[in-house]
């Protein structure tokens, strides 16, 4: 004969699953955007890239998947352009979704 499990075992078993789901959904929004690593002209270029990057990810599916944009790299200005900024778009549970690069005023995904 099988003994029934105690009443508290089921909620205790569901607690890790619930916690994992909350972290996966809310986690990327809790991380910073990477702007604090830059100063001066580099920071201004990174802020501009963060402002315009959602326009490159304007597909309705991408809008639902992308949870956070983070500045990964700001390269020094070249002779004919300003700073080149690389951003990474993260989806649920900090999974990298896409890399967006802003260079010479244009966005590439």
PDB file of N, CA and C in Angstrom:
ATOM      1  N   UNK A   1       0.838  -1.175   0.000  1.00  0.00           N
ATOM      2  CA  UNK A   1       0.000   0.000   0.000  1.00  0.00           C
ATOM      3  C   UNK A   1       0.891   1.248   0.000  1.00  0.00           C
ATOM      4  N   UNK A   2       0.515   2.234  -0.796  1.00  0.00           N
ATOM      5  CA  UNK A   2       1.285   3.467  -0.921  1.00  0.00           C
ATOM      6  C   UNK A   2       0.816   4.472   0.113  1.00  0.00           C
ATOM      7  N   UNK A   3       1.758   5.017   0.850  1.00  0.00           N
ATOM      8  CA  UNK A   3       1.410   6.021   1.844  1.00  0.00           C
ATOM      9  C   UNK A   3       1.273   7.380   1.178  1.00  0.00           C
ATOM     10  N   UNK A   4       0.258   8.138   1.502  1.00  0.00           N
ATOM     11  CA  UNK A   4       0.161   9.491   0.946  1.00  0.00           C
ATOM     12  C   UNK A   4       1.257  10.385   1.518  1.00  0.00           C
ATOM     13  N   UNK A   5       1.721  11.313   0.682  1.00  0.00           N
ATOM     14  CA  UNK A   5       2.772  12.221   1.138  1.00  0.00           C
ATOM     15  C   UNK A   5       2.171  13.274   2.076  1.00  0.00           C
ATOM     16  N   UNK A   6       2.995  13.837   2.926  1.00  0.00           N
ATOM     17  CA  UNK A   6       2.494  14.884   3.828  1.00  0.00           C
ATOM     18  C   UNK A   6       1.948  16.076   3.034  1.00  0.00           C
ATOM     19  N   UNK A   7       1.023  16.817   3.616  1.00  0.00           N
ATOM     20  CA  UNK A   7       0.366  17.927   2.924  1.00  0.00           C
ATOM     21  C   UNK A   7       1.338  19.032   2.544  1.00  0.00           C
ATOM     22  N   UNK A   8       2.418  19.231   3.275  1.00  0.00           N
ATOM     23  CA  UNK A   8       3.355  20.327   3.031  1.00  0.00           C
ATOM     24  C   UNK A   8       4.367  19.997   1.953  1.00  0.00           C
ATOM     25  N   UNK A   9       4.450  18.736   1.543  1.00  0.00           N
ATOM     26  CA  UNK A   9       5.454  18.343   0.553  1.00  0.00           C
ATOM     27  C   UNK A   9       5.151  18.913  -0.831  1.00  0.00           C
ATOM     28  N   UNK A  10       3.913  18.989  -1.212  1.00  0.00           N
ATOM     29  CA  UNK A  10       3.557  19.517  -2.533  1.00  0.00           C
ATOM     30  C   UNK A  10       3.893  21.002  -2.652  1.00  0.00           C
ATOM     31  N   UNK A  11       3.485  21.869  -1.720  1.00  0.00           N
ATOM     32  CA  UNK A  11       3.892  23.283  -1.841  1.00  0.00           C
ATOM     33  C   UNK A  11       5.400  23.464  -1.766  1.00  0.00           C
ATOM     34  N   UNK A  12       6.062  22.647  -0.962  1.00  0.00           N
ATOM     35  CA  UNK A  12       7.505  22.744  -0.851  1.00  0.00           C
ATOM     36  C   UNK A  12       8.183  22.346  -2.155  1.00  0.00           C
ATOM     37  N   UNK A  13       7.608  21.401  -2.854  1.00  0.00           N
ATOM     38  CA  UNK A  13       8.144  20.988  -4.149  1.00  0.00           C
ATOM     39  C   UNK A  13       7.902  22.026  -5.237  1.00  0.00           C
ATOM     40  N   UNK A  14       6.809  22.763  -5.138  1.00  0.00           N
ATOM     41  CA  UNK A  14       6.491  23.786  -6.140  1.00  0.00           C
ATOM     42  C   UNK A  14       7.248  25.088  -5.919  1.00  0.00           C
ATOM     43  N   UNK A  15       7.769  25.299  -4.735  1.00  0.00           N
ATOM     44  CA  UNK A  15       8.476  26.539  -4.422  1.00  0.00           C
ATOM     45  C   UNK A  15       9.685  26.776  -5.332  1.00  0.00           C
ATOM     46  N   UNK A  16      10.574  25.801  -5.561  1.00  0.00           N
ATOM     47  CA  UNK A  16      11.703  26.059  -6.468  1.00  0.00           C
ATOM     48  C   UNK A  16      11.258  26.357  -7.897  1.00  0.00           C
ATOM     49  N   UNK A  17      10.215  25.694  -8.368  1.00  0.00           N
ATOM     50  CA  UNK A  17       9.727  25.963  -9.716  1.00  0.00           C
ATOM     51  C   UNK A  17       9.157  27.374  -9.831  1.00  0.00           C
ATOM     52  N   UNK A  18       8.420  27.801  -8.829  1.00  0.00           N
ATOM     53  CA  UNK A  18       7.857  29.153  -8.828  1.00  0.00           C
ATOM     54  C   UNK A  18       8.964  30.194  -8.767  1.00  0.00           C
ATOM     55  N   UNK A  19       9.948  29.963  -7.926  1.00  0.00           N
ATOM     56  CA  UNK A  19      11.070  30.886  -7.809  1.00  0.00           C
ATOM     57  C   UNK A  19      11.861  30.975  -9.118  1.00  0.00           C
ATOM     58  N   UNK A  20      12.082  29.848  -9.773  1.00  0.00           N
ATOM     59  CA  UNK A  20      12.792  29.845 -11.052  1.00  0.00           C
ATOM     60  C   UNK A  20      12.012  30.611 -12.117  1.00  0.00           C
ATOM     61  N   UNK A  21      10.695  30.467 -12.141  1.00  0.00           N
ATOM     62  CA  UNK A  21       9.883  31.191 -13.121  1.00  0.00           C
ATOM     63  C   UNK A  21       9.923  32.693 -12.876  1.00  0.00           C
ATOM     64  N   UNK A  22       9.871  33.111 -11.632  1.00  0.00           N
ATOM     65  CA  UNK A  22       9.919  34.545 -11.313  1.00  0.00           C
ATOM     66  C   UNK A  22      11.268  35.133 -11.708  1.00  0.00           C
ATOM     67  N   UNK A  23      12.348  34.429 -11.414  1.00  0.00           N
ATOM     68  CA  UNK A  23      13.682  34.918 -11.772  1.00  0.00           C
ATOM     69  C   UNK A  23      13.840  34.979 -13.285  1.00  0.00           C
ATOM     70  N   UNK A  24      13.330  33.982 -13.992  1.00  0.00           N
ATOM     71  CA  UNK A  24      13.454  33.964 -15.448  1.00  0.00           C
ATOM     72  C   UNK A  24      12.682  35.111 -16.092  1.00  0.00           C
ATOM     73  N   UNK A  25      11.523  35.434 -15.562  1.00  0.00           N
ATOM     74  CA  UNK A  25      10.708  36.496 -16.159  1.00  0.00           C
ATOM     75  C   UNK A  25      11.171  37.889 -15.759  1.00  0.00           C
ATOM     76  N   UNK A  26      11.524  38.072 -14.499  1.00  0.00           N
ATOM     77  CA  UNK A  26      11.844  39.414 -14.013  1.00  0.00           C
ATOM     78  C   UNK A  26      13.336  39.696 -13.986  1.00  0.00           C
ATOM     79  N   UNK A  27      14.155  38.690 -14.044  1.00  0.00           N
ATOM     80  CA  UNK A  27      15.591  38.864 -13.890  1.00  0.00           C
ATOM     81  C   UNK A  27      16.248  39.864 -14.815  1.00  0.00           C
ATOM     82  N   UNK A  28      16.055  39.749 -16.135  1.00  0.00           N
ATOM     83  CA  UNK A  28      16.729  40.693 -17.029  1.00  0.00           C
ATOM     84  C   UNK A  28      16.379  42.151 -16.769  1.00  0.00           C
ATOM     85  N   UNK A  29      15.187  42.420 -16.293  1.00  0.00           N
ATOM     86  CA  UNK A  29      14.813  43.812 -16.017  1.00  0.00           C
ATOM     87  C   UNK A  29      15.507  44.363 -14.772  1.00  0.00           C
ATOM     88  N   UNK A  30      16.032  43.476 -13.940  1.00  0.00           N
ATOM     89  CA  UNK A  30      16.698  43.915 -12.719  1.00  0.00           C
ATOM     90  C   UNK A  30      18.167  44.261 -12.939  1.00  0.00           C
ATOM     91  N   UNK A  31      18.742  43.843 -14.057  1.00  0.00           N
ATOM     92  CA  UNK A  31      20.147  44.136 -14.323  1.00  0.00           C
ATOM     93  C   UNK A  31      20.295  45.533 -14.902  1.00  0.00           C
ATOM     94  N   UNK A  32      21.467  46.100 -14.752  1.00  0.00           N
ATOM     95  CA  UNK A  32      21.732  47.438 -15.262  1.00  0.00           C
ATOM     96  C   UNK A  32      21.885  47.450 -16.774  1.00  0.00           C
ATOM     97  N   UNK A  33      21.942  48.660 -17.319  1.00  0.00           N
ATOM     98  CA  UNK A  33      22.058  48.800 -18.767  1.00  0.00           C
ATOM     99  C   UNK A  33      23.498  49.002 -19.226  1.00  0.00           C
ATOM    100  N   UNK A  34      24.444  49.010 -18.315  1.00  0.00           N
ATOM    101  CA  UNK A  34      25.848  49.126 -18.675  1.00  0.00           C
ATOM    102  C   UNK A  34      26.344  50.548 -18.863  1.00  0.00           C
ATOM    103  N   UNK A  35      25.507  51.540 -18.675  1.00  0.00           N
ATOM    104  CA  UNK A  35      25.922  52.935 -18.878  1.00  0.00           C
ATOM    105  C   UNK A  35      26.907  53.415 -17.821  1.00  0.00           C
ATOM    106  N   UNK A  36      26.864  52.827 -16.652  1.00  0.00           N
ATOM    107  CA  UNK A  36      27.734  53.300 -15.567  1.00  0.00           C
ATOM    108  C   UNK A  36      29.211  53.039 -15.838  1.00  0.00           C
ATOM    109  N   UNK A  37      29.522  52.220 -16.830  1.00  0.00           N
ATOM    110  CA  UNK A  37      30.920  51.918 -17.162  1.00  0.00           C
ATOM    111  C   UNK A  37      31.559  52.989 -18.043  1.00  0.00           C
ATOM    112  N   UNK A  38      30.780  53.945 -18.530  1.00  0.00           N
ATOM    113  CA  UNK A  38      31.289  54.924 -19.495  1.00  0.00           C
ATOM    114  C   UNK A  38      31.076  56.345 -18.998  1.00  0.00           C
ATOM    115  N   UNK A  39      31.953  57.245 -19.446  1.00  0.00           N
ATOM    116  CA  UNK A  39      31.881  58.654 -19.078  1.00  0.00           C
ATOM    117  C   UNK A  39      32.031  59.514 -20.328  1.00  0.00           C
ATOM    118  N   UNK A  40      31.554  60.734 -20.250  1.00  0.00           N
ATOM    119  CA  UNK A  40      31.758  61.732 -21.290  1.00  0.00           C
ATOM    120  C   UNK A  40      31.107  61.381 -22.616  1.00  0.00           C
ATOM    121  N   UNK A  41      31.887  61.511 -23.694  1.00  0.00           N
ATOM    122  CA  UNK A  41      31.377  61.289 -25.048  1.00  0.00           C
ATOM    123  C   UNK A  41      30.985  59.831 -25.268  1.00  0.00           C
ATOM    124  N   UNK A  42      31.706  58.907 -24.630  1.00  0.00           N
ATOM    125  CA  UNK A  42      31.347  57.491 -24.766  1.00  0.00           C
ATOM    126  C   UNK A  42      29.966  57.227 -24.169  1.00  0.00           C
ATOM    127  N   UNK A  43      29.700  57.842 -23.024  1.00  0.00           N
ATOM    128  CA  UNK A  43      28.393  57.660 -22.387  1.00  0.00           C
ATOM    129  C   UNK A  43      27.281  58.270 -23.238  1.00  0.00           C
ATOM    130  N   UNK A  44      27.531  59.432 -23.818  1.00  0.00           N
ATOM    131  CA  UNK A  44      26.519  60.064 -24.678  1.00  0.00           C
ATOM    132  C   UNK A  44      26.212  59.182 -25.886  1.00  0.00           C
ATOM    133  N   UNK A  45      27.246  58.587 -26.481  1.00  0.00           N
ATOM    134  CA  UNK A  45      27.036  57.687 -27.618  1.00  0.00           C
ATOM    135  C   UNK A  45      26.263  56.443 -27.186  1.00  0.00           C
ATOM    136  N   UNK A  46      26.581  55.917 -26.000  1.00  0.00           N
ATOM    137  CA  UNK A  46      25.875  54.734 -25.499  1.00  0.00           C
ATOM    138  C   UNK A  46      24.414  55.048 -25.198  1.00  0.00           C
ATOM    139  N   UNK A  47      24.139  56.229 -24.627  1.00  0.00           N
ATOM    140  CA  UNK A  47      22.754  56.625 -24.353  1.00  0.00           C
ATOM    141  C   UNK A  47      21.962  56.778 -25.647  1.00  0.00           C
ATOM    142  N   UNK A  48      22.586  57.352 -26.662  1.00  0.00           N
ATOM    143  CA  UNK A  48      21.912  57.493 -27.958  1.00  0.00           C
ATOM    144  C   UNK A  48      21.614  56.126 -28.562  1.00  0.00           C
ATOM    145  N   UNK A  49      22.569  55.207 -28.462  1.00  0.00           N
ATOM    146  CA  UNK A  49      22.351  53.857 -28.994  1.00  0.00           C
ATOM    147  C   UNK A  49      21.226  53.146 -28.238  1.00  0.00           C
ATOM    148  N   UNK A  50      21.185  53.299 -26.916  1.00  0.00           N
ATOM    149  CA  UNK A  50      20.100  52.699 -26.138  1.00  0.00           C
ATOM    150  C   UNK A  50      18.747  53.299 -26.494  1.00  0.00           C
ATOM    151  N   UNK A  51      18.754  54.566 -26.854  1.00  0.00           N
ATOM    152  CA  UNK A  51      17.504  55.223 -27.242  1.00  0.00           C
ATOM    153  C   UNK A  51      16.987  54.688 -28.577  1.00  0.00           C
ATOM    154  N   UNK A  52      17.874  54.484 -29.550  1.00  0.00           N
ATOM    155  CA  UNK A  52      17.470  54.099 -30.892  1.00  0.00           C
ATOM    156  C   UNK A  52      17.406  52.595 -31.136  1.00  0.00           C
ATOM    157  N   UNK A  53      18.047  51.787 -30.308  1.00  0.00           N
ATOM    158  CA  UNK A  53      18.089  50.334 -30.527  1.00  0.00           C
ATOM    159  C   UNK A  53      16.709  49.669 -30.563  1.00  0.00           C
ATOM    160  N   UNK A  54      15.737  50.067 -29.729  1.00  0.00           N
ATOM    161  CA  UNK A  54      14.424  49.413 -29.839  1.00  0.00           C
ATOM    162  C   UNK A  54      13.775  49.588 -31.208  1.00  0.00           C
ATOM    163  N   UNK A  55      14.153  50.617 -31.946  1.00  0.00           N
ATOM    164  CA  UNK A  55      13.600  50.805 -33.289  1.00  0.00           C
ATOM    165  C   UNK A  55      14.133  49.762 -34.258  1.00  0.00           C
ATOM    166  N   UNK A  56      15.325  49.241 -33.999  1.00  0.00           N
ATOM    167  CA  UNK A  56      15.871  48.180 -34.848  1.00  0.00           C
ATOM    168  C   UNK A  56      15.221  46.843 -34.534  1.00  0.00           C
ATOM    169  N   UNK A  57      14.702  46.694 -33.318  1.00  0.00           N
ATOM    170  CA  UNK A  57      14.038  45.465 -32.893  1.00  0.00           C
ATOM    171  C   UNK A  57      12.536  45.709 -32.825  1.00  0.00           C
ATOM    172  N   UNK A  58      11.956  46.175 -33.929  1.00  0.00           N
ATOM    173  CA  UNK A  58      10.576  46.637 -33.913  1.00  0.00           C
ATOM    174  C   UNK A  58       9.568  45.577 -34.343  1.00  0.00           C
ATOM    175  N   UNK A  59      10.020  44.376 -34.653  1.00  0.00           N
ATOM    176  CA  UNK A  59       9.118  43.297 -34.991  1.00  0.00           C
ATOM    177  C   UNK A  59       8.256  42.976 -33.766  1.00  0.00           C
ATOM    178  N   UNK A  60       6.948  42.732 -33.923  1.00  0.00           N
ATOM    179  CA  UNK A  60       6.107  42.456 -32.747  1.00  0.00           C
ATOM    180  C   UNK A  60       6.595  41.265 -31.914  1.00  0.00           C
ATOM    181  N   UNK A  61       7.155  40.267 -32.549  1.00  0.00           N
ATOM    182  CA  UNK A  61       7.674  39.120 -31.804  1.00  0.00           C
ATOM    183  C   UNK A  61       8.895  39.543 -30.999  1.00  0.00           C
ATOM    184  N   UNK A  62       9.769  40.335 -31.617  1.00  0.00           N
ATOM    185  CA  UNK A  62      10.962  40.797 -30.906  1.00  0.00           C
ATOM    186  C   UNK A  62      10.590  41.701 -29.733  1.00  0.00           C
ATOM    187  N   UNK A  63       9.579  42.525 -29.914  1.00  0.00           N
ATOM    188  CA  UNK A  63       9.150  43.396 -28.819  1.00  0.00           C
ATOM    189  C   UNK A  63       8.692  42.582 -27.618  1.00  0.00           C
ATOM    190  N   UNK A  64       8.105  41.416 -27.860  1.00  0.00           N
ATOM    191  CA  UNK A  64       7.678  40.564 -26.756  1.00  0.00           C
ATOM    192  C   UNK A  64       8.810  39.777 -26.135  1.00  0.00           C
ATOM    193  N   UNK A  65       9.818  39.449 -26.938  1.00  0.00           N
ATOM    194  CA  UNK A  65      10.923  38.627 -26.443  1.00  0.00           C
ATOM    195  C   UNK A  65      12.001  39.423 -25.724  1.00  0.00           C
ATOM    196  N   UNK A  66      12.300  40.612 -26.239  1.00  0.00           N
ATOM    197  CA  UNK A  66      13.416  41.384 -25.679  1.00  0.00           C
ATOM    198  C   UNK A  66      13.001  42.003 -24.356  1.00  0.00           C
ATOM    199  N   UNK A  67      13.743  41.665 -23.307  1.00  0.00           N
ATOM    200  CA  UNK A  67      13.461  42.166 -21.975  1.00  0.00           C
ATOM    201  C   UNK A  67      14.423  43.269 -21.550  1.00  0.00           C
ATOM    202  N   UNK A  68      15.639  43.263 -22.079  1.00  0.00           N
ATOM    203  CA  UNK A  68      16.639  44.232 -21.640  1.00  0.00           C
ATOM    204  C   UNK A  68      17.653  44.470 -22.738  1.00  0.00           C
ATOM    205  N   UNK A  69      18.069  45.712 -22.895  1.00  0.00           N
ATOM    206  CA  UNK A  69      19.180  46.083 -23.761  1.00  0.00           C
ATOM    207  C   UNK A  69      20.329  46.528 -22.874  1.00  0.00           C
ATOM    208  N   UNK A  70      21.519  46.047 -23.177  1.00  0.00           N
ATOM    209  CA  UNK A  70      22.684  46.356 -22.346  1.00  0.00           C
ATOM    210  C   UNK A  70      23.845  46.754 -23.238  1.00  0.00           C
ATOM    211  N   UNK A  71      24.545  47.825 -22.853  1.00  0.00           N
ATOM    212  CA  UNK A  71      25.725  48.277 -23.596  1.00  0.00           C
ATOM    213  C   UNK A  71      26.864  47.309 -23.312  1.00  0.00           C
ATOM    214  N   UNK A  72      27.418  46.739 -24.378  1.00  0.00           N
ATOM    215  CA  UNK A  72      28.493  45.765 -24.245  1.00  0.00           C
ATOM    216  C   UNK A  72      29.844  46.419 -24.506  1.00  0.00           C
ATOM    217  N   UNK A  73      29.879  47.291 -25.520  1.00  0.00           N
ATOM    218  CA  UNK A  73      31.168  47.868 -25.913  1.00  0.00           C
ATOM    219  C   UNK A  73      30.945  49.211 -26.588  1.00  0.00           C
ATOM    220  N   UNK A  74      31.828  50.152 -26.308  1.00  0.00           N
ATOM    221  CA  UNK A  74      31.865  51.429 -27.010  1.00  0.00           C
ATOM    222  C   UNK A  74      33.270  51.566 -27.576  1.00  0.00           C
ATOM    223  N   UNK A  75      33.360  51.542 -28.915  1.00  0.00           N
ATOM    224  CA  UNK A  75      34.669  51.659 -29.559  1.00  0.00           C
ATOM    225  C   UNK A  75      34.993  53.128 -29.803  1.00  0.00           C
ATOM    226  N   UNK A  76      36.275  53.471 -29.800  1.00  0.00           N
ATOM    227  CA  UNK A  76      36.656  54.873 -30.017  1.00  0.00           C
ATOM    228  C   UNK A  76      36.229  55.355 -31.409  1.00  0.00           C
ATOM    229  N   UNK A  77      36.074  56.661 -31.543  1.00  0.00           N
ATOM    230  CA  UNK A  77      35.630  57.191 -32.832  1.00  0.00           C
ATOM    231  C   UNK A  77      36.676  56.982 -33.916  1.00  0.00           C
ATOM    232  N   UNK A  78      36.171  56.705 -35.111  1.00  0.00           N
ATOM    233  CA  UNK A  78      37.071  56.582 -36.258  1.00  0.00           C
ATOM    234  C   UNK A  78      37.179  57.948 -36.938  1.00  0.00           C
ATOM    235  N   UNK A  79      37.929  58.012 -38.002  1.00  0.00           N
ATOM    236  CA  UNK A  79      38.168  59.294 -38.681  1.00  0.00           C
ATOM    237  C   UNK A  79      36.895  59.850 -39.309  1.00  0.00           C
ATOM    238  N   UNK A  80      36.049  58.987 -39.848  1.00  0.00           N
ATOM    239  CA  UNK A  80      34.867  59.467 -40.568  1.00  0.00           C
ATOM    240  C   UNK A  80      33.561  59.320 -39.783  1.00  0.00           C
ATOM    241  N   UNK A  81      33.590  58.621 -38.669  1.00  0.00           N
ATOM    242  CA  UNK A  81      32.361  58.407 -37.878  1.00  0.00           C
ATOM    243  C   UNK A  81      32.623  58.701 -36.410  1.00  0.00           C
ATOM    244  N   UNK A  82      31.543  58.676 -35.660  1.00  0.00           N
ATOM    245  CA  UNK A  82      31.665  58.814 -34.215  1.00  0.00           C
ATOM    246  C   UNK A  82      31.940  57.463 -33.571  1.00  0.00           C
ATOM    247  N   UNK A  83      31.579  57.352 -32.333  1.00  0.00           N
ATOM    248  CA  UNK A  83      31.770  56.105 -31.597  1.00  0.00           C
ATOM    249  C   UNK A  83      30.920  54.989 -32.205  1.00  0.00           C
ATOM    250  N   UNK A  84      31.431  53.773 -32.152  1.00  0.00           N
ATOM    251  CA  UNK A  84      30.658  52.592 -32.524  1.00  0.00           C
ATOM    252  C   UNK A  84      30.236  51.911 -31.229  1.00  0.00           C
ATOM    253  N   UNK A  85      28.935  51.686 -31.072  1.00  0.00           N
ATOM    254  CA  UNK A  85      28.394  51.123 -29.837  1.00  0.00           C
ATOM    255  C   UNK A  85      27.759  49.777 -30.146  1.00  0.00           C
ATOM    256  N   UNK A  86      28.107  48.781 -29.338  1.00  0.00           N
ATOM    257  CA  UNK A  86      27.519  47.453 -29.473  1.00  0.00           C
ATOM    258  C   UNK A  86      26.636  47.178 -28.266  1.00  0.00           C
ATOM    259  N   UNK A  87      25.390  46.799 -28.539  1.00  0.00           N
ATOM    260  CA  UNK A  87      24.422  46.480 -27.496  1.00  0.00           C
ATOM    261  C   UNK A  87      24.007  45.025 -27.626  1.00  0.00           C
ATOM    262  N   UNK A  88      23.664  44.430 -26.511  1.00  0.00           N
ATOM    263  CA  UNK A  88      23.137  43.065 -26.545  1.00  0.00           C
ATOM    264  C   UNK A  88      21.720  43.094 -26.008  1.00  0.00           C
ATOM    265  N   UNK A  89      20.817  42.440 -26.742  1.00  0.00           N
ATOM    266  CA  UNK A  89      19.420  42.322 -26.325  1.00  0.00           C
ATOM    267  C   UNK A  89      19.235  40.971 -25.643  1.00  0.00           C
ATOM    268  N   UNK A  90      18.623  40.997 -24.465  1.00  0.00           N
ATOM    269  CA  UNK A  90      18.411  39.774 -23.693  1.00  0.00           C
ATOM    270  C   UNK A  90      16.926  39.458 -23.624  1.00  0.00           C
ATOM    271  N   UNK A  91      16.611  38.170 -23.703  1.00  0.00           N
ATOM    272  CA  UNK A  91      15.230  37.730 -23.536  1.00  0.00           C
ATOM    273  C   UNK A  91      15.076  37.147 -22.142  1.00  0.00           C
ATOM    274  N   UNK A  92      14.128  36.284 -21.956  1.00  0.00           N
ATOM    275  CA  UNK A  92      13.856  35.699 -20.649  1.00  0.00           C
ATOM    276  C   UNK A  92      15.080  34.953 -20.117  1.00  0.00           C
ATOM    277  N   UNK A  93      15.271  34.979 -18.828  1.00  0.00           N
ATOM    278  CA  UNK A  93      16.333  34.250 -18.121  1.00  0.00           C
ATOM    279  C   UNK A  93      17.717  34.635 -18.625  1.00  0.00           C
ATOM    280  N   UNK A  94      17.911  35.861 -19.007  1.00  0.00           N
ATOM    281  CA  UNK A  94      19.197  36.405 -19.455  1.00  0.00           C
ATOM    282  C   UNK A  94      19.751  35.686 -20.682  1.00  0.00           C
ATOM    283  N   UNK A  95      18.899  35.126 -21.517  1.00  0.00           N
ATOM    284  CA  UNK A  95      19.379  34.490 -22.744  1.00  0.00           C
ATOM    285  C   UNK A  95      19.639  35.570 -23.781  1.00  0.00           C
ATOM    286  N   UNK A  96      20.849  35.635 -24.355  1.00  0.00           N
ATOM    287  CA  UNK A  96      21.113  36.639 -25.380  1.00  0.00           C
ATOM    288  C   UNK A  96      20.234  36.397 -26.601  1.00  0.00           C
ATOM    289  N   UNK A  97      19.572  37.443 -27.061  1.00  0.00           N
ATOM    290  CA  UNK A  97      18.676  37.318 -28.210  1.00  0.00           C
ATOM    291  C   UNK A  97      19.328  37.851 -29.479  1.00  0.00           C
ATOM    292  N   UNK A  98      19.900  39.043 -29.411  1.00  0.00           N
ATOM    293  CA  UNK A  98      20.494  39.662 -30.600  1.00  0.00           C
ATOM    294  C   UNK A  98      21.553  40.661 -30.166  1.00  0.00           C
ATOM    295  N   UNK A  99      22.412  41.010 -31.125  1.00  0.00           N
ATOM    296  CA  UNK A  99      23.407  42.055 -30.908  1.00  0.00           C
ATOM    297  C   UNK A  99      23.092  43.189 -31.869  1.00  0.00           C
ATOM    298  N   UNK A 100      22.969  44.387 -31.341  1.00  0.00           N
ATOM    299  CA  UNK A 100      22.669  45.571 -32.140  1.00  0.00           C
ATOM    300  C   UNK A 100      23.909  46.456 -32.129  1.00  0.00           C
ATOM    301  N   UNK A 101      24.323  46.902 -33.313  1.00  0.00           N
ATOM    302  CA  UNK A 101      25.475  47.785 -33.431  1.00  0.00           C
ATOM    303  C   UNK A 101      25.029  49.105 -34.032  1.00  0.00           C
ATOM    304  N   UNK A 102      25.410  50.204 -33.387  1.00  0.00           N
ATOM    305  CA  UNK A 102      25.150  51.531 -33.926  1.00  0.00           C
ATOM    306  C   UNK A 102      26.485  52.138 -34.327  1.00  0.00           C
ATOM    307  N   UNK A 103      26.588  52.403 -35.622  1.00  0.00           N
ATOM    308  CA  UNK A 103      27.835  52.921 -36.156  1.00  0.00           C
ATOM    309  C   UNK A 103      27.504  53.885 -37.293  1.00  0.00           C
ATOM    310  N   UNK A 104      28.129  55.029 -37.287  1.00  0.00           N
ATOM    311  CA  UNK A 104      27.917  56.065 -38.318  1.00  0.00           C
ATOM    312  C   UNK A 104      26.458  56.458 -38.438  1.00  0.00           C
ATOM    313  N   UNK A 105      25.721  56.458 -37.330  1.00  0.00           N
ATOM    314  CA  UNK A 105      24.326  56.878 -37.333  1.00  0.00           C
ATOM    315  C   UNK A 105      23.361  55.813 -37.792  1.00  0.00           C
ATOM    316  N   UNK A 106      23.825  54.611 -38.129  1.00  0.00           N
ATOM    317  CA  UNK A 106      22.946  53.541 -38.568  1.00  0.00           C
ATOM    318  C   UNK A 106      22.946  52.374 -37.603  1.00  0.00           C
ATOM    319  N   UNK A 107      21.847  51.641 -37.584  1.00  0.00           N
ATOM    320  CA  UNK A 107      21.712  50.483 -36.700  1.00  0.00           C
ATOM    321  C   UNK A 107      21.762  49.203 -37.522  1.00  0.00           C
ATOM    322  N   UNK A 108      22.474  48.215 -37.044  1.00  0.00           N
ATOM    323  CA  UNK A 108      22.480  46.889 -37.666  1.00  0.00           C
ATOM    324  C   UNK A 108      22.219  45.862 -36.570  1.00  0.00           C
ATOM    325  N   UNK A 109      21.457  44.845 -36.919  1.00  0.00           N
ATOM    326  CA  UNK A 109      21.138  43.773 -35.969  1.00  0.00           C
ATOM    327  C   UNK A 109      21.893  42.535 -36.374  1.00  0.00           C
TER     328      UNK A 109
END
